Amino acid sequence: MQTEAPRDEGGRGYPELKLRPDVMGTPDGLSQAPYIRESRRIRALRRIVEQDIAVTSNPSARARLYTDSVGVGWYAIDIHACVGNPTAGTYTPTRPFQIPLGR
């Protein structure tokens, strides 16, 4: 994000983005614990779908905008293949996207 993310006004990167030691409670601003995916336990009020974030659906520099954004992401849609069907996975590039609160 600091060096490669496309900017709306042109150019690349947001060098003003920094890690937050004061928020994370560590000297370097990295998490104190590993990231653990909990998405299977969440019942979302609003879902982000492929058409909201995929490069093929969003010709501009970023994905769909949300007025109630509580976070950002920029990683591919990466669905791993299932046991017994090793070719069933998918990989789709995305634009930088927001994560809506879903009020």
C-alpha atoms as a PDB file:
ATOM      1  CA  MET A   1       0.000   0.000   0.000  1.00  0.00           C
ATOM      2  CA  GLN A   2       2.821   2.435   0.808  1.00  0.00           C
ATOM      3  CA  THR A   3       4.559   2.078  -2.547  1.00  0.00           C
ATOM      4  CA  GLU A   4       2.373   0.250  -5.084  1.00  0.00           C
ATOM      5  CA  ALA A   5      -1.333   1.010  -4.540  1.00  0.00           C
ATOM      6  CA  PRO A   6      -2.828   3.069  -7.392  1.00  0.00           C
ATOM      7  CA  ARG A   7      -3.961   6.519  -6.187  1.00  0.00           C
ATOM      8  CA  ASP A   8      -7.310   7.978  -7.305  1.00  0.00           C
ATOM      9  CA  GLU A   9      -5.629  11.182  -8.471  1.00  0.00           C
ATOM     10  CA  GLY A  10      -2.897   9.247 -10.300  1.00  0.00           C
ATOM     11  CA  GLY A  11       0.468   7.979  -9.180  1.00  0.00           C
ATOM     12  CA  ARG A  12       1.208   5.115  -6.847  1.00  0.00           C
ATOM     13  CA  GLY A  13       1.577   4.529  -3.142  1.00  0.00           C
ATOM     14  CA  TYR A  14       0.457   6.010   0.166  1.00  0.00           C
ATOM     15  CA  PRO A  15       3.735   6.610   2.049  1.00  0.00           C
ATOM     16  CA  GLU A  16       1.812   8.288   4.873  1.00  0.00           C
ATOM     17  CA  LEU A  17       0.397   4.889   5.945  1.00  0.00           C
ATOM     18  CA  LYS A  18       2.330   3.564   8.948  1.00  0.00           C
ATOM     19  CA  LEU A  19       2.086   0.745  11.469  1.00  0.00           C
ATOM     20  CA  ARG A  20       0.617   1.797  14.837  1.00  0.00           C
ATOM     21  CA  PRO A  21       2.735   0.708  17.842  1.00  0.00           C
ATOM     22  CA  ASP A  22       0.350   2.625  20.124  1.00  0.00           C
ATOM     23  CA  VAL A  23      -2.609   0.547  18.914  1.00  0.00           C
ATOM     24  CA  MET A  24      -0.911  -2.855  18.689  1.00  0.00           C
ATOM     25  CA  GLY A  25       1.017  -2.569  21.944  1.00  0.00           C
ATOM     26  CA  THR A  26       4.331  -3.585  20.376  1.00  0.00           C
ATOM     27  CA  PRO A  27       7.454  -1.512  19.601  1.00  0.00           C
ATOM     28  CA  ASP A  28       7.263  -2.236  15.856  1.00  0.00           C
ATOM     29  CA  GLY A  29       3.477  -1.984  15.425  1.00  0.00           C
ATOM     30  CA  LEU A  30       3.085  -5.626  14.390  1.00  0.00           C
ATOM     31  CA  SER A  31       0.415  -7.821  15.949  1.00  0.00           C
ATOM     32  CA  GLN A  32       1.095  -9.550  19.278  1.00  0.00           C
ATOM     33  CA  ALA A  33      -0.695 -12.696  18.062  1.00  0.00           C
ATOM     34  CA  PRO A  34      -0.943 -14.493  14.718  1.00  0.00           C
ATOM     35  CA  TYR A  35      -3.848 -13.762  12.416  1.00  0.00           C
ATOM     36  CA  ILE A  36      -6.564 -16.384  12.702  1.00  0.00           C
ATOM     37  CA  ARG A  37      -9.382 -16.449  10.161  1.00  0.00           C
ATOM     38  CA  GLU A  38     -12.785 -16.459  11.844  1.00  0.00           C
ATOM     39  CA  SER A  39     -14.958 -15.767   8.794  1.00  0.00           C
ATOM     40  CA  ARG A  40     -16.862 -19.039   8.993  1.00  0.00           C
ATOM     41  CA  ARG A  41     -18.369 -17.956  12.315  1.00  0.00           C
ATOM     42  CA  ILE A  42     -19.510 -14.511  11.215  1.00  0.00           C
ATOM     43  CA  ARG A  43     -23.067 -13.774  10.116  1.00  0.00           C
ATOM     44  CA  ALA A  44     -22.575 -10.663   8.015  1.00  0.00           C
ATOM     45  CA  LEU A  45     -25.028  -7.779   7.806  1.00  0.00           C
ATOM     46  CA  ARG A  46     -23.583  -6.980   4.375  1.00  0.00           C
ATOM     47  CA  ARG A  47     -21.432  -9.192   2.183  1.00  0.00           C
ATOM     48  CA  ILE A  48     -18.663  -8.179  -0.180  1.00  0.00           C
ATOM     49  CA  VAL A  49     -19.046 -10.121  -3.414  1.00  0.00           C
ATOM     50  CA  GLU A  50     -16.620 -10.717  -6.273  1.00  0.00           C
ATOM     51  CA  GLN A  51     -18.222  -8.020  -8.437  1.00  0.00           C
ATOM     52  CA  ASP A  52     -17.519  -5.423  -5.709  1.00  0.00           C
ATOM     53  CA  ILE A  53     -13.748  -5.984  -5.672  1.00  0.00           C
ATOM     54  CA  ALA A  54     -12.515  -7.966  -8.715  1.00  0.00           C
ATOM     55  CA  VAL A  55     -10.269  -6.230 -11.267  1.00  0.00           C
ATOM     56  CA  THR A  56     -12.507  -7.476 -14.083  1.00  0.00           C
ATOM     57  CA  SER A  57     -15.548  -5.695 -12.593  1.00  0.00           C
ATOM     58  CA  ASN A  58     -13.802  -2.475 -11.511  1.00  0.00           C
ATOM     59  CA  PRO A  59     -11.919  -0.546 -14.222  1.00  0.00           C
ATOM     60  CA  SER A  60     -10.918   2.337 -11.905  1.00  0.00           C
ATOM     61  CA  ALA A  61      -8.067   2.445  -9.358  1.00  0.00           C
ATOM     62  CA  ARG A  62     -10.116   0.950  -6.524  1.00  0.00           C
ATOM     63  CA  ALA A  63     -13.117  -1.235  -5.843  1.00  0.00           C
ATOM     64  CA  ARG A  64     -16.620  -0.209  -4.767  1.00  0.00           C
ATOM     65  CA  LEU A  65     -16.746   2.531  -2.107  1.00  0.00           C
ATOM     66  CA  TYR A  66     -18.627   2.089   1.160  1.00  0.00           C
ATOM     67  CA  THR A  67     -19.680   5.057   3.309  1.00  0.00           C
ATOM     68  CA  ASP A  68     -19.451   2.917   6.456  1.00  0.00           C
ATOM     69  CA  SER A  69     -15.954   1.498   5.863  1.00  0.00           C
ATOM     70  CA  VAL A  70     -14.128   0.153   8.920  1.00  0.00           C
ATOM     71  CA  GLY A  71     -11.086  -1.290   7.170  1.00  0.00           C
ATOM     72  CA  VAL A  72      -9.276  -1.850   3.908  1.00  0.00           C
ATOM     73  CA  GLY A  73      -7.856  -4.820   2.074  1.00  0.00           C
ATOM     74  CA  TRP A  74      -6.023  -5.589  -1.123  1.00  0.00           C
ATOM     75  CA  TYR A  75      -5.495  -9.253  -1.686  1.00  0.00           C
ATOM     76  CA  ALA A  76      -6.734 -11.674  -4.309  1.00  0.00           C
ATOM     77  CA  ILE A  77      -9.808 -13.827  -4.076  1.00  0.00           C
ATOM     78  CA  ASP A  78      -8.048 -17.086  -3.317  1.00  0.00           C
ATOM     79  CA  ILE A  79     -10.333 -20.074  -2.889  1.00  0.00           C
ATOM     80  CA  HIS A  80      -8.300 -23.190  -2.212  1.00  0.00           C
ATOM     81  CA  ALA A  81      -9.104 -26.458  -3.881  1.00  0.00           C
ATOM     82  CA  CYS A  82     -10.994 -29.024  -1.839  1.00  0.00           C
ATOM     83  CA  VAL A  83      -9.782 -32.456  -0.808  1.00  0.00           C
ATOM     84  CA  GLY A  84     -10.829 -34.864  -3.537  1.00  0.00           C
ATOM     85  CA  ASN A  85     -11.062 -32.105  -6.174  1.00  0.00           C
ATOM     86  CA  PRO A  86      -7.617 -30.467  -6.401  1.00  0.00           C
ATOM     87  CA  THR A  87      -8.512 -28.303  -9.436  1.00  0.00           C
ATOM     88  CA  ALA A  88     -11.636 -26.687  -7.956  1.00  0.00           C
ATOM     89  CA  GLY A  89      -9.868 -23.586  -6.583  1.00  0.00           C
ATOM     90  CA  THR A  90      -9.812 -20.069  -8.040  1.00  0.00           C
ATOM     91  CA  TYR A  91      -7.533 -17.028  -7.962  1.00  0.00           C
ATOM     92  CA  THR A  92      -8.910 -13.607  -8.969  1.00  0.00           C
ATOM     93  CA  PRO A  93      -6.960 -10.316  -8.694  1.00  0.00           C
ATOM     94  CA  THR A  94      -8.759  -7.473  -6.917  1.00  0.00           C
ATOM     95  CA  ARG A  95      -8.610  -3.700  -6.596  1.00  0.00           C
ATOM     96  CA  PRO A  96      -7.908  -2.137  -3.174  1.00  0.00           C
ATOM     97  CA  PHE A  97     -11.203  -2.502  -1.332  1.00  0.00           C
ATOM     98  CA  GLN A  98     -13.012  -1.305   1.773  1.00  0.00           C
ATOM     99  CA  ILE A  99     -14.641  -3.478   4.408  1.00  0.00           C
ATOM    100  CA  PRO A 100     -18.097  -2.122   5.276  1.00  0.00           C
ATOM    101  CA  LEU A 101     -19.465  -2.123   8.808  1.00  0.00           C
ATOM    102  CA  GLY A 102     -22.833  -3.160   7.420  1.00  0.00           C
ATOM    103  CA  ARG A 103     -25.152  -0.941   9.391  1.00  0.00           C
END
